[in-house]
Amino acid sequence: MKYTGGCHCQKLRFEVEANIENLLACNCSICGKKGHLLTFVPDSQFKMLTSTETLSDYQFGKKNIHHHFCSNCGVSAFGAGSMPDGTKMRSINARCLDGLDVTKFPVHHYDGASL
């Protein structure tokens, strides 16, 4: 299914093709603080609809994941990284998808804090 989404101020807009069956809540040092509910898709299924002028990037630790956020409103709508086999992936904050009721999906709790 195709979804659109974006940050709070709408300066970052995107579309993503995703088959959402469940969402992931991670307790790592950044996801736990931000309260993301995530779904993941290959990078090829993600498309920016607006300029990336306000797109900022935060990396920490091993710097494997790009934690993108809007430099205007601060909302983290998506991130980017790679699977162990090198496949480029996007993490999508489902709370930022237009019209998606995140309460309708089961949530898998992932212990990222222990990694």
PDB file of N, CA and C in Angstrom:
ATOM      1  N   MET A   1       0.841  -1.172   0.000  1.00  0.00           N
ATOM      2  CA  MET A   1       0.000   0.000   0.000  1.00  0.00           C
ATOM      3  C   MET A   1       0.887   1.236   0.000  1.00  0.00           C
ATOM      4  N   LYS A   2       0.480   2.261  -0.708  1.00  0.00           N
ATOM      5  CA  LYS A   2       1.243   3.500  -0.766  1.00  0.00           C
ATOM      6  C   LYS A   2       0.740   4.457   0.312  1.00  0.00           C
ATOM      7  N   TYR A   3       1.679   4.999   1.076  1.00  0.00           N
ATOM      8  CA  TYR A   3       1.392   5.971   2.124  1.00  0.00           C
ATOM      9  C   TYR A   3       2.155   7.257   1.834  1.00  0.00           C
ATOM     10  N   THR A   4       1.610   8.364   2.306  1.00  0.00           N
ATOM     11  CA  THR A   4       2.350   9.611   2.317  1.00  0.00           C
ATOM     12  C   THR A   4       2.558   9.997   3.772  1.00  0.00           C
ATOM     13  N   GLY A   5       3.548  10.811   4.004  1.00  0.00           N
ATOM     14  CA  GLY A   5       3.820  11.235   5.370  1.00  0.00           C
ATOM     15  C   GLY A   5       4.752  12.415   5.381  1.00  0.00           C
ATOM     16  N   GLY A   6       5.060  12.860   6.570  1.00  0.00           N
ATOM     17  CA  GLY A   6       5.967  13.983   6.689  1.00  0.00           C
ATOM     18  C   GLY A   6       6.145  14.439   8.120  1.00  0.00           C
ATOM     19  N   CYS A   7       6.871  15.513   8.249  1.00  0.00           N
ATOM     20  CA  CYS A   7       7.128  16.097   9.557  1.00  0.00           C
ATOM     21  C   CYS A   7       5.963  17.008   9.951  1.00  0.00           C
ATOM     22  N   HIS A   8       6.045  17.626  11.105  1.00  0.00           N
ATOM     23  CA  HIS A   8       4.959  18.459  11.618  1.00  0.00           C
ATOM     24  C   HIS A   8       4.730  19.702  10.765  1.00  0.00           C
ATOM     25  N   CYS A   9       5.788  20.365  10.347  1.00  0.00           N
ATOM     26  CA  CYS A   9       5.645  21.615   9.580  1.00  0.00           C
ATOM     27  C   CYS A   9       5.428  21.372   8.085  1.00  0.00           C
ATOM     28  N   GLN A  10       5.519  20.110   7.671  1.00  0.00           N
ATOM     29  CA  GLN A  10       5.281  19.688   6.291  1.00  0.00           C
ATOM     30  C   GLN A  10       6.375  20.117   5.309  1.00  0.00           C
ATOM     31  N   LYS A  11       7.512  20.586   5.803  1.00  0.00           N
ATOM     32  CA  LYS A  11       8.617  20.924   4.897  1.00  0.00           C
ATOM     33  C   LYS A  11       9.297  19.674   4.354  1.00  0.00           C
ATOM     34  N   LEU A  12       9.148  18.553   5.063  1.00  0.00           N
ATOM     35  CA  LEU A  12       9.622  17.256   4.583  1.00  0.00           C
ATOM     36  C   LEU A  12       8.406  16.379   4.340  1.00  0.00           C
ATOM     37  N   ARG A  13       8.192  16.002   3.102  1.00  0.00           N
ATOM     38  CA  ARG A  13       7.091  15.117   2.715  1.00  0.00           C
ATOM     39  C   ARG A  13       7.678  13.963   1.929  1.00  0.00           C
ATOM     40  N   PHE A  14       7.093  12.780   2.113  1.00  0.00           N
ATOM     41  CA  PHE A  14       7.587  11.599   1.417  1.00  0.00           C
ATOM     42  C   PHE A  14       6.430  10.664   1.127  1.00  0.00           C
ATOM     43  N   GLU A  15       6.706   9.688   0.267  1.00  0.00           N
ATOM     44  CA  GLU A  15       5.770   8.589   0.078  1.00  0.00           C
ATOM     45  C   GLU A  15       6.558   7.300   0.205  1.00  0.00           C
ATOM     46  N   VAL A  16       5.831   6.272   0.643  1.00  0.00           N
ATOM     47  CA  VAL A  16       6.471   4.992   0.869  1.00  0.00           C
ATOM     48  C   VAL A  16       5.482   3.886   0.514  1.00  0.00           C
ATOM     49  N   GLU A  17       5.996   2.863  -0.115  1.00  0.00           N
ATOM     50  CA  GLU A  17       5.214   1.663  -0.418  1.00  0.00           C
ATOM     51  C   GLU A  17       5.535   0.657   0.682  1.00  0.00           C
ATOM     52  N   ALA A  18       4.517   0.320   1.480  1.00  0.00           N
ATOM     53  CA  ALA A  18       4.756  -0.561   2.621  1.00  0.00           C
ATOM     54  C   ALA A  18       3.573  -1.484   2.861  1.00  0.00           C
ATOM     55  N   ASN A  19       3.882  -2.685   3.272  1.00  0.00           N
ATOM     56  CA  ASN A  19       2.875  -3.645   3.698  1.00  0.00           C
ATOM     57  C   ASN A  19       3.007  -3.739   5.221  1.00  0.00           C
ATOM     58  N   ILE A  20       2.284  -2.888   5.932  1.00  0.00           N
ATOM     59  CA  ILE A  20       2.429  -2.808   7.383  1.00  0.00           C
ATOM     60  C   ILE A  20       1.550  -3.860   8.049  1.00  0.00           C
ATOM     61  N   GLU A  21       2.201  -4.780   8.730  1.00  0.00           N
ATOM     62  CA  GLU A  21       1.489  -5.813   9.477  1.00  0.00           C
ATOM     63  C   GLU A  21       1.639  -5.621  10.975  1.00  0.00           C
ATOM     64  N   ASN A  22       2.765  -5.050  11.374  1.00  0.00           N
ATOM     65  CA  ASN A  22       3.015  -4.740  12.775  1.00  0.00           C
ATOM     66  C   ASN A  22       4.008  -3.591  12.845  1.00  0.00           C
ATOM     67  N   LEU A  23       4.179  -3.052  14.018  1.00  0.00           N
ATOM     68  CA  LEU A  23       5.103  -1.951  14.223  1.00  0.00           C
ATOM     69  C   LEU A  23       6.128  -2.365  15.261  1.00  0.00           C
ATOM     70  N   LEU A  24       7.269  -1.702  15.240  1.00  0.00           N
ATOM     71  CA  LEU A  24       8.344  -2.026  16.156  1.00  0.00           C
ATOM     72  C   LEU A  24       8.595  -0.842  17.084  1.00  0.00           C
ATOM     73  N   ALA A  25       8.649  -1.110  18.379  1.00  0.00           N
ATOM     74  CA  ALA A  25       9.032  -0.122  19.385  1.00  0.00           C
ATOM     75  C   ALA A  25      10.375  -0.572  19.953  1.00  0.00           C
ATOM     76  N   CYS A  26      11.393   0.219  19.733  1.00  0.00           N
ATOM     77  CA  CYS A  26      12.744  -0.103  20.178  1.00  0.00           C
ATOM     78  C   CYS A  26      13.052   0.709  21.436  1.00  0.00           C
ATOM     79  N   ASN A  27      13.795   0.113  22.359  1.00  0.00           N
ATOM     80  CA  ASN A  27      14.146   0.812  23.589  1.00  0.00           C
ATOM     81  C   ASN A  27      15.597   1.283  23.613  1.00  0.00           C
ATOM     82  N   CYS A  28      16.226   1.381  22.440  1.00  0.00           N
ATOM     83  CA  CYS A  28      17.607   1.860  22.403  1.00  0.00           C
ATOM     84  C   CYS A  28      17.649   3.320  22.882  1.00  0.00           C
ATOM     85  N   SER A  29      18.839   3.858  23.026  1.00  0.00           N
ATOM     86  CA  SER A  29      18.990   5.175  23.633  1.00  0.00           C
ATOM     87  C   SER A  29      18.306   6.296  22.861  1.00  0.00           C
ATOM     88  N   ILE A  30      18.095   6.155  21.565  1.00  0.00           N
ATOM     89  CA  ILE A  30      17.437   7.228  20.813  1.00  0.00           C
ATOM     90  C   ILE A  30      15.960   6.926  20.565  1.00  0.00           C
ATOM     91  N   CYS A  31      15.630   5.711  20.149  1.00  0.00           N
ATOM     92  CA  CYS A  31      14.228   5.372  19.869  1.00  0.00           C
ATOM     93  C   CYS A  31      13.369   5.462  21.129  1.00  0.00           C
ATOM     94  N   GLY A  32      13.922   5.019  22.259  1.00  0.00           N
ATOM     95  CA  GLY A  32      13.181   5.066  23.505  1.00  0.00           C
ATOM     96  C   GLY A  32      12.815   6.482  23.909  1.00  0.00           C
ATOM     97  N   LYS A  33      13.705   7.413  23.661  1.00  0.00           N
ATOM     98  CA  LYS A  33      13.443   8.812  24.009  1.00  0.00           C
ATOM     99  C   LYS A  33      12.472   9.473  23.026  1.00  0.00           C
ATOM    100  N   LYS A  34      12.526   9.053  21.772  1.00  0.00           N
ATOM    101  CA  LYS A  34      11.665   9.674  20.759  1.00  0.00           C
ATOM    102  C   LYS A  34      10.274   9.046  20.683  1.00  0.00           C
ATOM    103  N   GLY A  35      10.123   7.827  21.137  1.00  0.00           N
ATOM    104  CA  GLY A  35       8.816   7.181  21.122  1.00  0.00           C
ATOM    105  C   GLY A  35       8.334   6.750  19.749  1.00  0.00           C
ATOM    106  N   HIS A  36       9.274   6.462  18.868  1.00  0.00           N
ATOM    107  CA  HIS A  36       8.913   6.009  17.525  1.00  0.00           C
ATOM    108  C   HIS A  36       8.168   4.681  17.546  1.00  0.00           C
ATOM    109  N   LEU A  37       7.283   4.509  16.573  1.00  0.00           N
ATOM    110  CA  LEU A  37       6.738   3.203  16.216  1.00  0.00           C
ATOM    111  C   LEU A  37       7.151   3.005  14.770  1.00  0.00           C
ATOM    112  N   LEU A  38       7.981   2.013  14.527  1.00  0.00           N
ATOM    113  CA  LEU A  38       8.662   1.890  13.241  1.00  0.00           C
ATOM    114  C   LEU A  38       8.132   0.772  12.363  1.00  0.00           C
ATOM    115  N   THR A  39       8.247   1.023  11.056  1.00  0.00           N
ATOM    116  CA  THR A  39       8.103  -0.007  10.045  1.00  0.00           C
ATOM    117  C   THR A  39       9.304   0.167   9.116  1.00  0.00           C
ATOM    118  N   PHE A  40       9.682  -0.887   8.421  1.00  0.00           N
ATOM    119  CA  PHE A  40      10.899  -0.868   7.611  1.00  0.00           C
ATOM    120  C   PHE A  40      10.595  -1.263   6.178  1.00  0.00           C
ATOM    121  N   VAL A  41      11.254  -0.579   5.240  1.00  0.00           N
ATOM    122  CA  VAL A  41      11.087  -0.872   3.816  1.00  0.00           C
ATOM    123  C   VAL A  41      12.434  -0.740   3.115  1.00  0.00           C
ATOM    124  N   PRO A  42      12.611  -1.447   1.989  1.00  0.00           N
ATOM    125  CA  PRO A  42      13.801  -1.211   1.172  1.00  0.00           C
ATOM    126  C   PRO A  42      13.823   0.240   0.688  1.00  0.00           C
ATOM    127  N   ASP A  43      15.003   0.791   0.551  1.00  0.00           N
ATOM    128  CA  ASP A  43      15.168   2.180   0.120  1.00  0.00           C
ATOM    129  C   ASP A  43      14.442   2.466  -1.195  1.00  0.00           C
ATOM    130  N   SER A  44      14.357   1.474  -2.074  1.00  0.00           N
ATOM    131  CA  SER A  44      13.707   1.655  -3.384  1.00  0.00           C
ATOM    132  C   SER A  44      12.210   1.936  -3.259  1.00  0.00           C
ATOM    133  N   GLN A  45      11.622   1.668  -2.090  1.00  0.00           N
ATOM    134  CA  GLN A  45      10.192   1.881  -1.880  1.00  0.00           C
ATOM    135  C   GLN A  45       9.899   3.213  -1.178  1.00  0.00           C
ATOM    136  N   PHE A  46      10.923   4.056  -1.065  1.00  0.00           N
ATOM    137  CA  PHE A  46      10.822   5.350  -0.402  1.00  0.00           C
ATOM    138  C   PHE A  46      11.134   6.457  -1.401  1.00  0.00           C
ATOM    139  N   LYS A  47      10.344   7.521  -1.369  1.00  0.00           N
ATOM    140  CA  LYS A  47      10.564   8.636  -2.299  1.00  0.00           C
ATOM    141  C   LYS A  47      10.277   9.961  -1.593  1.00  0.00           C
ATOM    142  N   MET A  48      11.228  10.876  -1.652  1.00  0.00           N
ATOM    143  CA  MET A  48      11.006  12.225  -1.127  1.00  0.00           C
ATOM    144  C   MET A  48      10.100  12.978  -2.090  1.00  0.00           C
ATOM    145  N   LEU A  49       9.151  13.733  -1.550  1.00  0.00           N
ATOM    146  CA  LEU A  49       8.236  14.537  -2.365  1.00  0.00           C
ATOM    147  C   LEU A  49       8.578  16.021  -2.293  1.00  0.00           C
ATOM    148  N   THR A  50       9.390  16.410  -1.346  1.00  0.00           N
ATOM    149  CA  THR A  50       9.774  17.811  -1.172  1.00  0.00           C
ATOM    150  C   THR A  50      11.290  17.929  -1.187  1.00  0.00           C
ATOM    151  N   SER A  51      11.744  19.148  -1.189  1.00  0.00           N
ATOM    152  CA  SER A  51      13.170  19.428  -1.090  1.00  0.00           C
ATOM    153  C   SER A  51      13.717  18.880   0.222  1.00  0.00           C
ATOM    154  N   THR A  52      14.977  18.513   0.218  1.00  0.00           N
ATOM    155  CA  THR A  52      15.613  18.037   1.445  1.00  0.00           C
ATOM    156  C   THR A  52      16.364  19.176   2.146  1.00  0.00           C
ATOM    157  N   GLU A  53      16.017  20.395   1.809  1.00  0.00           N
ATOM    158  CA  GLU A  53      16.692  21.573   2.362  1.00  0.00           C
ATOM    159  C   GLU A  53      16.682  21.604   3.892  1.00  0.00           C
ATOM    160  N   THR A  54      15.575  21.183   4.513  1.00  0.00           N
ATOM    161  CA  THR A  54      15.500  21.208   5.982  1.00  0.00           C
ATOM    162  C   THR A  54      15.832  19.850   6.607  1.00  0.00           C
ATOM    163  N   LEU A  55      16.292  18.897   5.812  1.00  0.00           N
ATOM    164  CA  LEU A  55      16.623  17.562   6.323  1.00  0.00           C
ATOM    165  C   LEU A  55      17.968  17.601   7.040  1.00  0.00           C
ATOM    166  N   SER A  56      17.952  17.228   8.302  1.00  0.00           N
ATOM    167  CA  SER A  56      19.182  17.122   9.084  1.00  0.00           C
ATOM    168  C   SER A  56      19.423  15.654   9.406  1.00  0.00           C
ATOM    169  N   ASP A  57      20.654  15.339   9.762  1.00  0.00           N
ATOM    170  CA  ASP A  57      21.072  13.964  10.001  1.00  0.00           C
ATOM    171  C   ASP A  57      21.816  13.891  11.321  1.00  0.00           C
ATOM    172  N   TYR A  58      21.471  12.903  12.127  1.00  0.00           N
ATOM    173  CA  TYR A  58      22.175  12.658  13.377  1.00  0.00           C
ATOM    174  C   TYR A  58      22.650  11.209  13.370  1.00  0.00           C
ATOM    175  N   GLN A  59      23.912  11.013  13.693  1.00  0.00           N
ATOM    176  CA  GLN A  59      24.470   9.674  13.803  1.00  0.00           C
ATOM    177  C   GLN A  59      25.223   9.566  15.121  1.00  0.00           C
ATOM    178  N   PHE A  60      25.246   8.367  15.672  1.00  0.00           N
ATOM    179  CA  PHE A  60      25.992   8.147  16.907  1.00  0.00           C
ATOM    180  C   PHE A  60      26.489   6.709  16.932  1.00  0.00           C
ATOM    181  N   GLY A  61      27.279   6.378  17.921  1.00  0.00           N
ATOM    182  CA  GLY A  61      27.792   5.012  18.062  1.00  0.00           C
ATOM    183  C   GLY A  61      28.586   4.584  16.846  1.00  0.00           C
ATOM    184  N   LYS A  62      28.183   3.480  16.237  1.00  0.00           N
ATOM    185  CA  LYS A  62      28.876   2.945  15.063  1.00  0.00           C
ATOM    186  C   LYS A  62      28.566   3.726  13.792  1.00  0.00           C
ATOM    187  N   LYS A  63      27.650   4.663  13.868  1.00  0.00           N
ATOM    188  CA  LYS A  63      27.263   5.525  12.744  1.00  0.00           C
ATOM    189  C   LYS A  63      26.752   4.726  11.547  1.00  0.00           C
ATOM    190  N   ASN A  64      26.014   3.645  11.830  1.00  0.00           N
ATOM    191  CA  ASN A  64      25.428   2.817  10.779  1.00  0.00           C
ATOM    192  C   ASN A  64      24.072   3.330  10.327  1.00  0.00           C
ATOM    193  N   ILE A  65      23.421   4.110  11.172  1.00  0.00           N
ATOM    194  CA  ILE A  65      22.063   4.573  10.880  1.00  0.00           C
ATOM    195  C   ILE A  65      22.048   6.091  10.812  1.00  0.00           C
ATOM    196  N   HIS A  66      21.398   6.605   9.779  1.00  0.00           N
ATOM    197  CA  HIS A  66      21.174   8.048   9.647  1.00  0.00           C
ATOM    198  C   HIS A  66      19.804   8.348  10.252  1.00  0.00           C
ATOM    199  N   HIS A  67      19.800   9.034  11.362  1.00  0.00           N
ATOM    200  CA  HIS A  67      18.560   9.421  12.029  1.00  0.00           C
ATOM    201  C   HIS A  67      18.178  10.802  11.501  1.00  0.00           C
ATOM    202  N   HIS A  68      17.340  10.826  10.467  1.00  0.00           N
ATOM    203  CA  HIS A  68      16.969  12.085   9.825  1.00  0.00           C
ATOM    204  C   HIS A  68      15.865  12.787  10.608  1.00  0.00           C
ATOM    205  N   PHE A  69      15.913  14.109  10.589  1.00  0.00           N
ATOM    206  CA  PHE A  69      14.876  14.916  11.224  1.00  0.00           C
ATOM    207  C   PHE A  69      14.792  16.259  10.523  1.00  0.00           C
ATOM    208  N   CYS A  70      13.657  16.929  10.699  1.00  0.00           N
ATOM    209  CA  CYS A  70      13.449  18.245  10.104  1.00  0.00           C
ATOM    210  C   CYS A  70      14.131  19.291  10.979  1.00  0.00           C
ATOM    211  N   SER A  71      15.009  20.086  10.386  1.00  0.00           N
ATOM    212  CA  SER A  71      15.710  21.111  11.150  1.00  0.00           C
ATOM    213  C   SER A  71      14.793  22.283  11.513  1.00  0.00           C
ATOM    214  N   ASN A  72      13.606  22.340  10.921  1.00  0.00           N
ATOM    215  CA  ASN A  72      12.655  23.405  11.249  1.00  0.00           C
ATOM    216  C   ASN A  72      11.783  23.025  12.451  1.00  0.00           C
ATOM    217  N   CYS A  73      11.094  21.868  12.394  1.00  0.00           N
ATOM    218  CA  CYS A  73      10.168  21.486  13.472  1.00  0.00           C
ATOM    219  C   CYS A  73      10.731  20.413  14.406  1.00  0.00           C
ATOM    220  N   GLY A  74      11.813  19.738  14.008  1.00  0.00           N
ATOM    221  CA  GLY A  74      12.462  18.751  14.859  1.00  0.00           C
ATOM    222  C   GLY A  74      11.922  17.342  14.776  1.00  0.00           C
ATOM    223  N   VAL A  75      10.875  17.107  13.982  1.00  0.00           N
ATOM    224  CA  VAL A  75      10.264  15.782  13.917  1.00  0.00           C
ATOM    225  C   VAL A  75      11.126  14.805  13.116  1.00  0.00           C
ATOM    226  N   SER A  76      11.268  13.603  13.668  1.00  0.00           N
ATOM    227  CA  SER A  76      12.014  12.522  13.015  1.00  0.00           C
ATOM    228  C   SER A  76      11.017  11.593  12.339  1.00  0.00           C
ATOM    229  N   ALA A  77      10.842  11.754  11.044  1.00  0.00           N
ATOM    230  CA  ALA A  77       9.843  10.979  10.311  1.00  0.00           C
ATOM    231  C   ALA A  77      10.410   9.691   9.708  1.00  0.00           C
ATOM    232  N   PHE A  78      11.706   9.639   9.484  1.00  0.00           N
ATOM    233  CA  PHE A  78      12.318   8.458   8.866  1.00  0.00           C
ATOM    234  C   PHE A  78      13.816   8.447   9.106  1.00  0.00           C
ATOM    235  N   GLY A  79      14.410   7.296   8.851  1.00  0.00           N
ATOM    236  CA  GLY A  79      15.852   7.129   8.943  1.00  0.00           C
ATOM    237  C   GLY A  79      16.330   6.268   7.792  1.00  0.00           C
ATOM    238  N   ALA A  80      17.634   6.087   7.711  1.00  0.00           N
ATOM    239  CA  ALA A  80      18.214   5.297   6.629  1.00  0.00           C
ATOM    240  C   ALA A  80      19.397   4.497   7.160  1.00  0.00           C
ATOM    241  N   GLY A  81      19.547   3.298   6.619  1.00  0.00           N
ATOM    242  CA  GLY A  81      20.657   2.438   6.998  1.00  0.00           C
ATOM    243  C   GLY A  81      20.751   1.269   6.046  1.00  0.00           C
ATOM    244  N   SER A  82      21.513   0.281   6.431  1.00  0.00           N
ATOM    245  CA  SER A  82      21.693  -0.917   5.603  1.00  0.00           C
ATOM    246  C   SER A  82      21.567  -2.168   6.448  1.00  0.00           C
ATOM    247  N   MET A  83      21.043  -3.214   5.814  1.00  0.00           N
ATOM    248  CA  MET A  83      20.978  -4.528   6.443  1.00  0.00           C
ATOM    249  C   MET A  83      22.394  -5.122   6.453  1.00  0.00           C
ATOM    250  N   PRO A  84      22.637  -6.163   7.237  1.00  0.00           N
ATOM    251  CA  PRO A  84      23.969  -6.792   7.246  1.00  0.00           C
ATOM    252  C   PRO A  84      24.448  -7.228   5.859  1.00  0.00           C
ATOM    253  N   ASP A  85      23.505  -7.570   4.951  1.00  0.00           N
ATOM    254  CA  ASP A  85      23.898  -7.980   3.598  1.00  0.00           C
ATOM    255  C   ASP A  85      24.136  -6.792   2.665  1.00  0.00           C
ATOM    256  N   GLY A  86      23.998  -5.564   3.182  1.00  0.00           N
ATOM    257  CA  GLY A  86      24.240  -4.365   2.380  1.00  0.00           C
ATOM    258  C   GLY A  86      23.001  -3.747   1.761  1.00  0.00           C
ATOM    259  N   THR A  87      21.841  -4.403   1.867  1.00  0.00           N
ATOM    260  CA  THR A  87      20.599  -3.856   1.321  1.00  0.00           C
ATOM    261  C   THR A  87      20.253  -2.552   2.026  1.00  0.00           C
ATOM    262  N   LYS A  88      20.085  -1.487   1.249  1.00  0.00           N
ATOM    263  CA  LYS A  88      19.734  -0.191   1.820  1.00  0.00           C
ATOM    264  C   LYS A  88      18.268  -0.200   2.249  1.00  0.00           C
ATOM    265  N   MET A  89      18.023   0.272   3.477  1.00  0.00           N
ATOM    266  CA  MET A  89      16.691   0.245   4.074  1.00  0.00           C
ATOM    267  C   MET A  89      16.307   1.624   4.603  1.00  0.00           C
ATOM    268  N   ARG A  90      15.023   1.798   4.783  1.00  0.00           N
ATOM    269  CA  ARG A  90      14.482   2.990   5.439  1.00  0.00           C
ATOM    270  C   ARG A  90      13.664   2.545   6.645  1.00  0.00           C
ATOM    271  N   SER A  91      13.831   3.244   7.732  1.00  0.00           N
ATOM    272  CA  SER A  91      12.947   3.072   8.882  1.00  0.00           C
ATOM    273  C   SER A  91      11.960   4.227   8.823  1.00  0.00           C
ATOM    274  N   ILE A  92      10.696   3.911   8.934  1.00  0.00           N
ATOM    275  CA  ILE A  92       9.646   4.913   8.834  1.00  0.00           C
ATOM    276  C   ILE A  92       8.956   5.019  10.188  1.00  0.00           C
ATOM    277  N   ASN A  93       8.869   6.230  10.703  1.00  0.00           N
ATOM    278  CA  ASN A  93       8.123   6.465  11.931  1.00  0.00           C
ATOM    279  C   ASN A  93       6.647   6.472  11.552  1.00  0.00           C
ATOM    280  N   ALA A  94       5.958   5.389  11.860  1.00  0.00           N
ATOM    281  CA  ALA A  94       4.557   5.228  11.453  1.00  0.00           C
ATOM    282  C   ALA A  94       3.667   6.339  12.000  1.00  0.00           C
ATOM    283  N   ARG A  95       4.069   6.966  13.086  1.00  0.00           N
ATOM    284  CA  ARG A  95       3.300   8.083  13.632  1.00  0.00           C
ATOM    285  C   ARG A  95       3.278   9.280  12.677  1.00  0.00           C
ATOM    286  N   CYS A  96       4.165   9.280  11.698  1.00  0.00           N
ATOM    287  CA  CYS A  96       4.255  10.379  10.732  1.00  0.00           C
ATOM    288  C   CYS A  96       3.563  10.067   9.400  1.00  0.00           C
ATOM    289  N   LEU A  97       2.908   8.916   9.302  1.00  0.00           N
ATOM    290  CA  LEU A  97       2.182   8.572   8.076  1.00  0.00           C
ATOM    291  C   LEU A  97       0.769   9.145   8.146  1.00  0.00           C
ATOM    292  N   ASP A  98       0.368   9.803   7.078  1.00  0.00           N
ATOM    293  CA  ASP A  98      -0.936  10.462   7.017  1.00  0.00           C
ATOM    294  C   ASP A  98      -2.075   9.461   7.193  1.00  0.00           C
ATOM    295  N   GLY A  99      -2.948   9.730   8.154  1.00  0.00           N
ATOM    296  CA  GLY A  99      -4.166   8.942   8.321  1.00  0.00           C
ATOM    297  C   GLY A  99      -3.989   7.546   8.872  1.00  0.00           C
ATOM    298  N   LEU A 100      -2.794   7.163   9.251  1.00  0.00           N
ATOM    299  CA  LEU A 100      -2.568   5.808   9.777  1.00  0.00           C
ATOM    300  C   LEU A 100      -2.873   5.791  11.275  1.00  0.00           C
ATOM    301  N   ASP A 101      -3.754   4.913  11.680  1.00  0.00           N
ATOM    302  CA  ASP A 101      -4.088   4.739  13.093  1.00  0.00           C
ATOM    303  C   ASP A 101      -3.160   3.671  13.663  1.00  0.00           C
ATOM    304  N   VAL A 102      -2.103   4.106  14.348  1.00  0.00           N
ATOM    305  CA  VAL A 102      -1.095   3.166  14.845  1.00  0.00           C
ATOM    306  C   VAL A 102      -1.647   2.232  15.914  1.00  0.00           C
ATOM    307  N   THR A 103      -2.790   2.554  16.502  1.00  0.00           N
ATOM    308  CA  THR A 103      -3.379   1.676  17.523  1.00  0.00           C
ATOM    309  C   THR A 103      -3.984   0.414  16.923  1.00  0.00           C
ATOM    310  N   LYS A 104      -4.108   0.358  15.615  1.00  0.00           N
ATOM    311  CA  LYS A 104      -4.703  -0.802  14.933  1.00  0.00           C
ATOM    312  C   LYS A 104      -3.696  -1.909  14.644  1.00  0.00           C
ATOM    313  N   PHE A 105      -2.425  -1.687  14.983  1.00  0.00           N
ATOM    314  CA  PHE A 105      -1.378  -2.647  14.652  1.00  0.00           C
ATOM    315  C   PHE A 105      -0.748  -3.223  15.915  1.00  0.00           C
ATOM    316  N   PRO A 106      -0.416  -4.514  15.881  1.00  0.00           N
ATOM    317  CA  PRO A 106       0.338  -5.067  17.011  1.00  0.00           C
ATOM    318  C   PRO A 106       1.731  -4.437  17.045  1.00  0.00           C
ATOM    319  N   VAL A 107       2.254  -4.265  18.246  1.00  0.00           N
ATOM    320  CA  VAL A 107       3.573  -3.645  18.411  1.00  0.00           C
ATOM    321  C   VAL A 107       4.542  -4.686  18.970  1.00  0.00           C
ATOM    322  N   HIS A 108       5.640  -4.886  18.240  1.00  0.00           N
ATOM    323  CA  HIS A 108       6.716  -5.774  18.677  1.00  0.00           C
ATOM    324  C   HIS A 108       7.722  -4.916  19.442  1.00  0.00           C
ATOM    325  N   HIS A 109       8.039  -5.300  20.672  1.00  0.00           N
ATOM    326  CA  HIS A 109       9.003  -4.558  21.484  1.00  0.00           C
ATOM    327  C   HIS A 109      10.384  -5.167  21.283  1.00  0.00           C
ATOM    328  N   TYR A 110      11.302  -4.346  20.797  1.00  0.00           N
ATOM    329  CA  TYR A 110      12.652  -4.782  20.462  1.00  0.00           C
ATOM    330  C   TYR A 110      13.636  -4.236  21.495  1.00  0.00           C
ATOM    331  N   ASP A 111      14.468  -5.096  22.035  1.00  0.00           N
ATOM    332  CA  ASP A 111      15.432  -4.699  23.056  1.00  0.00           C
ATOM    333  C   ASP A 111      16.735  -4.218  22.412  1.00  0.00           C
ATOM    334  N   GLY A 112      16.681  -3.047  21.825  1.00  0.00           N
ATOM    335  CA  GLY A 112      17.880  -2.458  21.225  1.00  0.00           C
ATOM    336  C   GLY A 112      18.861  -1.931  22.262  1.00  0.00           C
ATOM    337  N   ALA A 113      18.395  -1.718  23.478  1.00  0.00           N
ATOM    338  CA  ALA A 113      19.261  -1.212  24.538  1.00  0.00           C
ATOM    339  C   ALA A 113      20.322  -2.232  24.956  1.00  0.00           C
ATOM    340  N   SER A 114      20.044  -3.497  24.729  1.00  0.00           N
ATOM    341  CA  SER A 114      20.987  -4.555  25.135  1.00  0.00           C
ATOM    342  C   SER A 114      22.024  -4.885  24.072  1.00  0.00           C
ATOM    343  N   LEU A 115      21.927  -4.271  22.906  1.00  0.00           N
ATOM    344  CA  LEU A 115      22.891  -4.576  21.834  1.00  0.00           C
ATOM    345  C   LEU A 115      24.176  -3.812  22.004  1.00  0.00           C
TER     346      LEU A 115
END
